[in-house]
Amino acid sequence: METLQDVSIPGAPLIANAFPGIKGDPYMGDFSKGSILVSKKDTVRNIAIRFNLYGNMLEINRMGELMGYTGKNIHGFIIEPYGTKEIYKSGFELPKLGKGTFAQVLVEGEYTLLKYKYKFITDDPSAAYGSQKSKAFQGKMEFFVAHKEAVVPFKTKRKQLNMVFGDDTPRVLNLINKMNLDIKDERDVVKLVQALNN
């Protein structure tokens, strides 16, 4: 595995367990093999990385020191948390989140489908009734569609598709009907955007 010793990317040192007393963890899986997209042209491959969904930060273990990288430091990363390759990029202007936020690229093309995964801290739903309130990490996701320079939240209600696809809405509705797609199902949304790009 390559190391980041020779690559000068500004990262921040991290505390090993920054959330004592909170059930669960802020990560999407443990360290796994991946690549760091330092810029649009430079990639560091075969490095152990993990994604912190609470802080939207890529973490690496650099010579025993935990380092964090945000979307302001790097262009993105490719990670295999569950044996399948996932690509994350940070150059999209996500509403209310900004350009430095990592989002998973599900489909890339004229229409790009993005999945923003994150975790937040909430009351632990499995805590015993009457006990002191304990906290836990909970995961959530949102979908966005990038087209030209605009990035808009993907809404699953048919009436709201016009806000996402504009002039292409009749074509989108036709594809949904013709392909018998359920736009509440992520796999069908991927199929829809792929078909729209063809």
C-alpha atoms as a PDB file:
ATOM      1  CA  MET A   1       0.000   0.000   0.000  1.00  0.00           C
ATOM      2  CA  GLU A   2       1.191   3.495  -0.818  1.00  0.00           C
ATOM      3  CA  THR A   3       1.597   6.042   1.930  1.00  0.00           C
ATOM      4  CA  LEU A   4       0.929   9.734   1.890  1.00  0.00           C
ATOM      5  CA  GLN A   5       4.453  10.547   3.050  1.00  0.00           C
ATOM      6  CA  ASP A   6       5.486  11.872  -0.342  1.00  0.00           C
ATOM      7  CA  VAL A   7       2.225  13.672  -1.066  1.00  0.00           C
ATOM      8  CA  SER A   8       1.803  17.107   0.435  1.00  0.00           C
ATOM      9  CA  ILE A   9      -1.931  17.366   1.134  1.00  0.00           C
ATOM     10  CA  PRO A  10      -2.783  19.539   4.120  1.00  0.00           C
ATOM     11  CA  GLY A  11      -4.621  17.364   6.645  1.00  0.00           C
ATOM     12  CA  ALA A  12      -5.630  17.806  10.271  1.00  0.00           C
ATOM     13  CA  PRO A  13      -4.500  15.467  13.089  1.00  0.00           C
ATOM     14  CA  LEU A  14      -7.467  13.696  14.726  1.00  0.00           C
ATOM     15  CA  ILE A  15      -8.249  12.237  18.154  1.00  0.00           C
ATOM     16  CA  ALA A  16      -8.636   8.427  18.069  1.00  0.00           C
ATOM     17  CA  ASN A  17     -11.944   8.351  20.002  1.00  0.00           C
ATOM     18  CA  ALA A  18     -13.520  11.782  19.759  1.00  0.00           C
ATOM     19  CA  PHE A  19     -16.986  10.586  20.860  1.00  0.00           C
ATOM     20  CA  PRO A  20     -16.790   8.657  24.144  1.00  0.00           C
ATOM     21  CA  GLY A  21     -20.162   7.676  25.578  1.00  0.00           C
ATOM     22  CA  ILE A  22     -22.008   7.849  22.248  1.00  0.00           C
ATOM     23  CA  LYS A  23     -23.385   4.549  20.961  1.00  0.00           C
ATOM     24  CA  GLY A  24     -22.168   3.476  17.531  1.00  0.00           C
ATOM     25  CA  ASP A  25     -19.562   5.365  15.545  1.00  0.00           C
ATOM     26  CA  PRO A  26     -19.402   8.137  12.956  1.00  0.00           C
ATOM     27  CA  TYR A  27     -17.877   5.953  10.220  1.00  0.00           C
ATOM     28  CA  MET A  28     -19.041   4.217   7.088  1.00  0.00           C
ATOM     29  CA  GLY A  29     -17.322   0.913   7.788  1.00  0.00           C
ATOM     30  CA  ASP A  30     -13.772   0.454   9.053  1.00  0.00           C
ATOM     31  CA  PHE A  31     -10.525   1.211   7.230  1.00  0.00           C
ATOM     32  CA  SER A  32     -10.574  -0.328   3.766  1.00  0.00           C
ATOM     33  CA  LYS A  33      -8.513  -0.125   0.603  1.00  0.00           C
ATOM     34  CA  GLY A  34      -9.076   2.946  -1.493  1.00  0.00           C
ATOM     35  CA  SER A  35      -7.643   5.798  -3.522  1.00  0.00           C
ATOM     36  CA  ILE A  36      -7.429   9.512  -2.845  1.00  0.00           C
ATOM     37  CA  LEU A  37      -8.237  11.860  -5.726  1.00  0.00           C
ATOM     38  CA  VAL A  38      -5.760  14.575  -4.737  1.00  0.00           C
ATOM     39  CA  SER A  39      -6.787  16.681  -7.739  1.00  0.00           C
ATOM     40  CA  LYS A  40      -8.602  16.032 -11.026  1.00  0.00           C
ATOM     41  CA  LYS A  41      -5.331  14.597 -12.389  1.00  0.00           C
ATOM     42  CA  ASP A  42      -3.422  13.136  -9.398  1.00  0.00           C
ATOM     43  CA  THR A  43      -4.492   9.988  -7.538  1.00  0.00           C
ATOM     44  CA  VAL A  44      -2.843   8.134  -4.644  1.00  0.00           C
ATOM     45  CA  ARG A  45      -3.849   4.454  -4.917  1.00  0.00           C
ATOM     46  CA  ASN A  46      -3.943   1.441  -2.573  1.00  0.00           C
ATOM     47  CA  ILE A  47      -4.158   3.298   0.708  1.00  0.00           C
ATOM     48  CA  ALA A  48      -6.175   2.384   3.818  1.00  0.00           C
ATOM     49  CA  ILE A  49      -8.925   4.983   4.275  1.00  0.00           C
ATOM     50  CA  ARG A  50     -12.253   5.363   6.059  1.00  0.00           C
ATOM     51  CA  PHE A  51     -15.051   7.898   5.708  1.00  0.00           C
ATOM     52  CA  ASN A  52     -16.300   9.852   8.718  1.00  0.00           C
ATOM     53  CA  LEU A  53     -19.975  10.512   7.915  1.00  0.00           C
ATOM     54  CA  TYR A  54     -20.476  12.764  10.955  1.00  0.00           C
ATOM     55  CA  GLY A  55     -17.708  15.178   9.972  1.00  0.00           C
ATOM     56  CA  ASN A  56     -17.868  14.519   6.187  1.00  0.00           C
ATOM     57  CA  MET A  57     -14.148  13.840   6.323  1.00  0.00           C
ATOM     58  CA  LEU A  58     -11.817  11.251   4.836  1.00  0.00           C
ATOM     59  CA  GLU A  59      -9.493   9.703   7.414  1.00  0.00           C
ATOM     60  CA  ILE A  60      -6.186   7.908   6.947  1.00  0.00           C
ATOM     61  CA  ASN A  61      -3.756   6.361   9.375  1.00  0.00           C
ATOM     62  CA  ARG A  62      -0.488   8.086   8.508  1.00  0.00           C
ATOM     63  CA  MET A  63       2.427   6.357  10.243  1.00  0.00           C
ATOM     64  CA  GLY A  64       0.321   5.761  13.378  1.00  0.00           C
ATOM     65  CA  GLU A  65      -1.146   9.279  13.342  1.00  0.00           C
ATOM     66  CA  LEU A  66      -4.807   9.712  12.384  1.00  0.00           C
ATOM     67  CA  MET A  67      -5.242  12.466   9.765  1.00  0.00           C
ATOM     68  CA  GLY A  68      -8.441  13.999   8.372  1.00  0.00           C
ATOM     69  CA  TYR A  69      -9.030  15.497   4.928  1.00  0.00           C
ATOM     70  CA  THR A  70     -12.022  17.576   3.885  1.00  0.00           C
ATOM     71  CA  GLY A  71     -13.411  18.378   0.451  1.00  0.00           C
ATOM     72  CA  LYS A  72     -11.459  21.627   0.612  1.00  0.00           C
ATOM     73  CA  ASN A  73      -8.155  19.678   0.736  1.00  0.00           C
ATOM     74  CA  ILE A  74      -8.806  16.949  -1.848  1.00  0.00           C
ATOM     75  CA  HIS A  75     -10.974  16.431  -4.934  1.00  0.00           C
ATOM     76  CA  GLY A  76     -12.450  13.137  -3.733  1.00  0.00           C
ATOM     77  CA  PHE A  77     -11.774   9.473  -3.009  1.00  0.00           C
ATOM     78  CA  ILE A  78     -12.644   5.948  -4.065  1.00  0.00           C
ATOM     79  CA  ILE A  79     -13.398   3.527  -1.247  1.00  0.00           C
ATOM     80  CA  GLU A  80     -14.498  -0.114  -1.037  1.00  0.00           C
ATOM     81  CA  PRO A  81     -16.226  -0.248   2.376  1.00  0.00           C
ATOM     82  CA  TYR A  82     -18.314  -3.347   1.676  1.00  0.00           C
ATOM     83  CA  GLY A  83     -16.376  -4.897  -1.191  1.00  0.00           C
ATOM     84  CA  THR A  84     -17.962  -2.649  -3.829  1.00  0.00           C
ATOM     85  CA  LYS A  85     -16.270   0.449  -5.208  1.00  0.00           C
ATOM     86  CA  GLU A  86     -17.845   3.801  -4.300  1.00  0.00           C
ATOM     87  CA  ILE A  87     -16.664   7.151  -5.739  1.00  0.00           C
ATOM     88  CA  TYR A  88     -17.004  10.358  -3.711  1.00  0.00           C
ATOM     89  CA  LYS A  89     -16.310  13.867  -5.027  1.00  0.00           C
ATOM     90  CA  SER A  90     -16.452  17.310  -3.474  1.00  0.00           C
ATOM     91  CA  GLY A  91     -16.717  19.786  -6.370  1.00  0.00           C
ATOM     92  CA  PHE A  92     -20.518  20.071  -6.431  1.00  0.00           C
ATOM     93  CA  GLU A  93     -22.328  23.097  -4.950  1.00  0.00           C
ATOM     94  CA  LEU A  94     -24.791  21.144  -2.774  1.00  0.00           C
ATOM     95  CA  PRO A  95     -27.697  23.292  -1.496  1.00  0.00           C
ATOM     96  CA  LYS A  96     -27.132  24.345   2.156  1.00  0.00           C
ATOM     97  CA  LEU A  97     -23.913  22.246   2.262  1.00  0.00           C
ATOM     98  CA  GLY A  98     -21.533  23.971  -0.159  1.00  0.00           C
ATOM     99  CA  LYS A  99     -18.808  22.903  -2.562  1.00  0.00           C
ATOM    100  CA  GLY A 100     -16.438  21.252  -0.076  1.00  0.00           C
ATOM    101  CA  THR A 101     -18.886  18.442   0.822  1.00  0.00           C
ATOM    102  CA  PHE A 102     -18.173  14.855  -0.236  1.00  0.00           C
ATOM    103  CA  ALA A 103     -21.068  13.138  -2.017  1.00  0.00           C
ATOM    104  CA  GLN A 104     -21.167   9.708  -3.630  1.00  0.00           C
ATOM    105  CA  VAL A 105     -21.381   9.836  -7.436  1.00  0.00           C
ATOM    106  CA  LEU A 106     -23.979   7.224  -8.467  1.00  0.00           C
ATOM    107  CA  VAL A 107     -24.274   8.294 -12.123  1.00  0.00           C
ATOM    108  CA  GLU A 108     -22.038  10.763 -13.951  1.00  0.00           C
ATOM    109  CA  GLY A 109     -23.017  12.468 -17.200  1.00  0.00           C
ATOM    110  CA  GLU A 110     -25.180  15.311 -18.480  1.00  0.00           C
ATOM    111  CA  TYR A 111     -27.291  14.567 -15.411  1.00  0.00           C
ATOM    112  CA  THR A 112     -25.196  13.490 -12.422  1.00  0.00           C
ATOM    113  CA  LEU A 113     -26.902  11.649  -9.562  1.00  0.00           C
ATOM    114  CA  LEU A 114     -25.353  12.238  -6.135  1.00  0.00           C
ATOM    115  CA  LYS A 115     -25.976  10.544  -2.803  1.00  0.00           C
ATOM    116  CA  TYR A 116     -25.075  12.539   0.307  1.00  0.00           C
ATOM    117  CA  LYS A 117     -24.657  10.181   3.283  1.00  0.00           C
ATOM    118  CA  TYR A 118     -24.243  11.532   6.789  1.00  0.00           C
ATOM    119  CA  LYS A 119     -24.601  10.669  10.459  1.00  0.00           C
ATOM    120  CA  PHE A 120     -25.880  12.816  13.308  1.00  0.00           C
ATOM    121  CA  ILE A 121     -26.116  12.390  17.080  1.00  0.00           C
ATOM    122  CA  THR A 122     -29.576  11.798  18.528  1.00  0.00           C
ATOM    123  CA  ASP A 123     -31.228  10.207  21.573  1.00  0.00           C
ATOM    124  CA  ASP A 124     -30.612   6.460  21.602  1.00  0.00           C
ATOM    125  CA  PRO A 125     -33.921   4.800  20.632  1.00  0.00           C
ATOM    126  CA  SER A 126     -32.838   1.506  22.258  1.00  0.00           C
ATOM    127  CA  ALA A 127     -32.200   3.063  25.692  1.00  0.00           C
ATOM    128  CA  ALA A 128     -34.350   1.617  28.486  1.00  0.00           C
ATOM    129  CA  TYR A 129     -37.379   3.711  29.441  1.00  0.00           C
ATOM    130  CA  GLY A 130     -36.724   5.962  32.413  1.00  0.00           C
ATOM    131  CA  SER A 131     -32.947   5.575  32.215  1.00  0.00           C
ATOM    132  CA  GLN A 132     -30.678   8.540  31.703  1.00  0.00           C
ATOM    133  CA  LYS A 133     -30.906   9.660  28.086  1.00  0.00           C
ATOM    134  CA  SER A 134     -28.040   8.178  26.124  1.00  0.00           C
ATOM    135  CA  LYS A 135     -26.925   9.354  22.707  1.00  0.00           C
ATOM    136  CA  ALA A 136     -26.295   7.394  19.528  1.00  0.00           C
ATOM    137  CA  PHE A 137     -25.162   7.979  15.952  1.00  0.00           C
ATOM    138  CA  GLN A 138     -27.896   7.690  13.363  1.00  0.00           C
ATOM    139  CA  GLY A 139     -27.383   7.553   9.588  1.00  0.00           C
ATOM    140  CA  LYS A 140     -29.315   9.354   6.887  1.00  0.00           C
ATOM    141  CA  MET A 141     -29.002  10.094   3.165  1.00  0.00           C
ATOM    142  CA  GLU A 142     -30.242  12.595   0.605  1.00  0.00           C
ATOM    143  CA  PHE A 143     -30.111  12.542  -3.186  1.00  0.00           C
ATOM    144  CA  PHE A 144     -29.200  15.404  -5.514  1.00  0.00           C
ATOM    145  CA  VAL A 145     -29.164  15.839  -9.274  1.00  0.00           C
ATOM    146  CA  ALA A 146     -26.486  18.026 -10.879  1.00  0.00           C
ATOM    147  CA  HIS A 147     -27.238  19.394 -14.345  1.00  0.00           C
ATOM    148  CA  LYS A 148     -25.122  22.073 -16.023  1.00  0.00           C
ATOM    149  CA  GLU A 149     -24.172  24.329 -13.080  1.00  0.00           C
ATOM    150  CA  ALA A 150     -27.231  23.655 -10.888  1.00  0.00           C
ATOM    151  CA  VAL A 151     -27.514  21.042  -8.141  1.00  0.00           C
ATOM    152  CA  VAL A 152     -31.030  20.367  -6.828  1.00  0.00           C
ATOM    153  CA  PRO A 153     -32.431  17.924  -4.246  1.00  0.00           C
ATOM    154  CA  PHE A 154     -34.051  14.875  -5.872  1.00  0.00           C
ATOM    155  CA  LYS A 155     -37.669  14.610  -4.777  1.00  0.00           C
ATOM    156  CA  THR A 156     -39.571  11.343  -5.129  1.00  0.00           C
ATOM    157  CA  LYS A 157     -43.010  12.881  -5.714  1.00  0.00           C
ATOM    158  CA  ARG A 158     -43.904  13.038  -9.406  1.00  0.00           C
ATOM    159  CA  LYS A 159     -45.255  16.605  -9.036  1.00  0.00           C
ATOM    160  CA  GLN A 160     -41.823  17.806  -7.855  1.00  0.00           C
ATOM    161  CA  LEU A 161     -39.867  16.258 -10.742  1.00  0.00           C
ATOM    162  CA  ASN A 162     -40.308  19.472 -12.738  1.00  0.00           C
ATOM    163  CA  MET A 163     -38.116  21.293 -10.175  1.00  0.00           C
ATOM    164  CA  VAL A 164     -35.386  18.707 -10.789  1.00  0.00           C
ATOM    165  CA  PHE A 165     -35.565  18.071 -14.536  1.00  0.00           C
ATOM    166  CA  GLY A 166     -37.194  21.230 -15.942  1.00  0.00           C
ATOM    167  CA  ASP A 167     -37.796  20.927 -19.716  1.00  0.00           C
ATOM    168  CA  ASP A 168     -36.802  17.232 -19.639  1.00  0.00           C
ATOM    169  CA  THR A 169     -39.670  16.346 -17.238  1.00  0.00           C
ATOM    170  CA  PRO A 170     -41.983  14.898 -19.967  1.00  0.00           C
ATOM    171  CA  ARG A 171     -39.106  12.667 -21.113  1.00  0.00           C
ATOM    172  CA  VAL A 172     -38.436  11.629 -17.491  1.00  0.00           C
ATOM    173  CA  LEU A 173     -42.117  10.764 -16.918  1.00  0.00           C
ATOM    174  CA  ASN A 174     -42.142   8.781 -20.162  1.00  0.00           C
ATOM    175  CA  LEU A 175     -39.047   6.808 -19.049  1.00  0.00           C
ATOM    176  CA  ILE A 176     -40.587   6.123 -15.611  1.00  0.00           C
ATOM    177  CA  ASN A 177     -43.737   4.701 -17.248  1.00  0.00           C
ATOM    178  CA  LYS A 178     -41.963   2.847 -20.069  1.00  0.00           C
ATOM    179  CA  MET A 179     -39.370   1.234 -17.747  1.00  0.00           C
ATOM    180  CA  ASN A 180     -41.894   0.730 -14.899  1.00  0.00           C
ATOM    181  CA  LEU A 181     -39.648   2.530 -12.382  1.00  0.00           C
ATOM    182  CA  ASP A 182     -40.311   3.225  -8.705  1.00  0.00           C
ATOM    183  CA  ILE A 183     -38.579   6.533  -7.997  1.00  0.00           C
ATOM    184  CA  LYS A 184     -38.562   5.781  -4.262  1.00  0.00           C
ATOM    185  CA  ASP A 185     -36.118   2.924  -5.016  1.00  0.00           C
ATOM    186  CA  GLU A 186     -32.484   4.036  -5.343  1.00  0.00           C
ATOM    187  CA  ARG A 187     -31.683   1.382  -7.979  1.00  0.00           C
ATOM    188  CA  ASP A 188     -34.567   2.602 -10.151  1.00  0.00           C
ATOM    189  CA  VAL A 189     -33.453   6.228  -9.790  1.00  0.00           C
ATOM    190  CA  VAL A 190     -29.979   5.155 -10.979  1.00  0.00           C
ATOM    191  CA  LYS A 191     -31.599   3.416 -13.994  1.00  0.00           C
ATOM    192  CA  LEU A 192     -33.667   6.527 -14.726  1.00  0.00           C
ATOM    193  CA  VAL A 193     -30.688   8.915 -14.729  1.00  0.00           C
ATOM    194  CA  GLN A 194     -28.606   6.467 -16.807  1.00  0.00           C
ATOM    195  CA  ALA A 195     -31.434   6.237 -19.365  1.00  0.00           C
ATOM    196  CA  LEU A 196     -31.810  10.028 -19.387  1.00  0.00           C
ATOM    197  CA  ASN A 197     -28.093  10.409 -20.177  1.00  0.00           C
ATOM    198  CA  ASN A 198     -28.270   8.017 -23.163  1.00  0.00           C
END
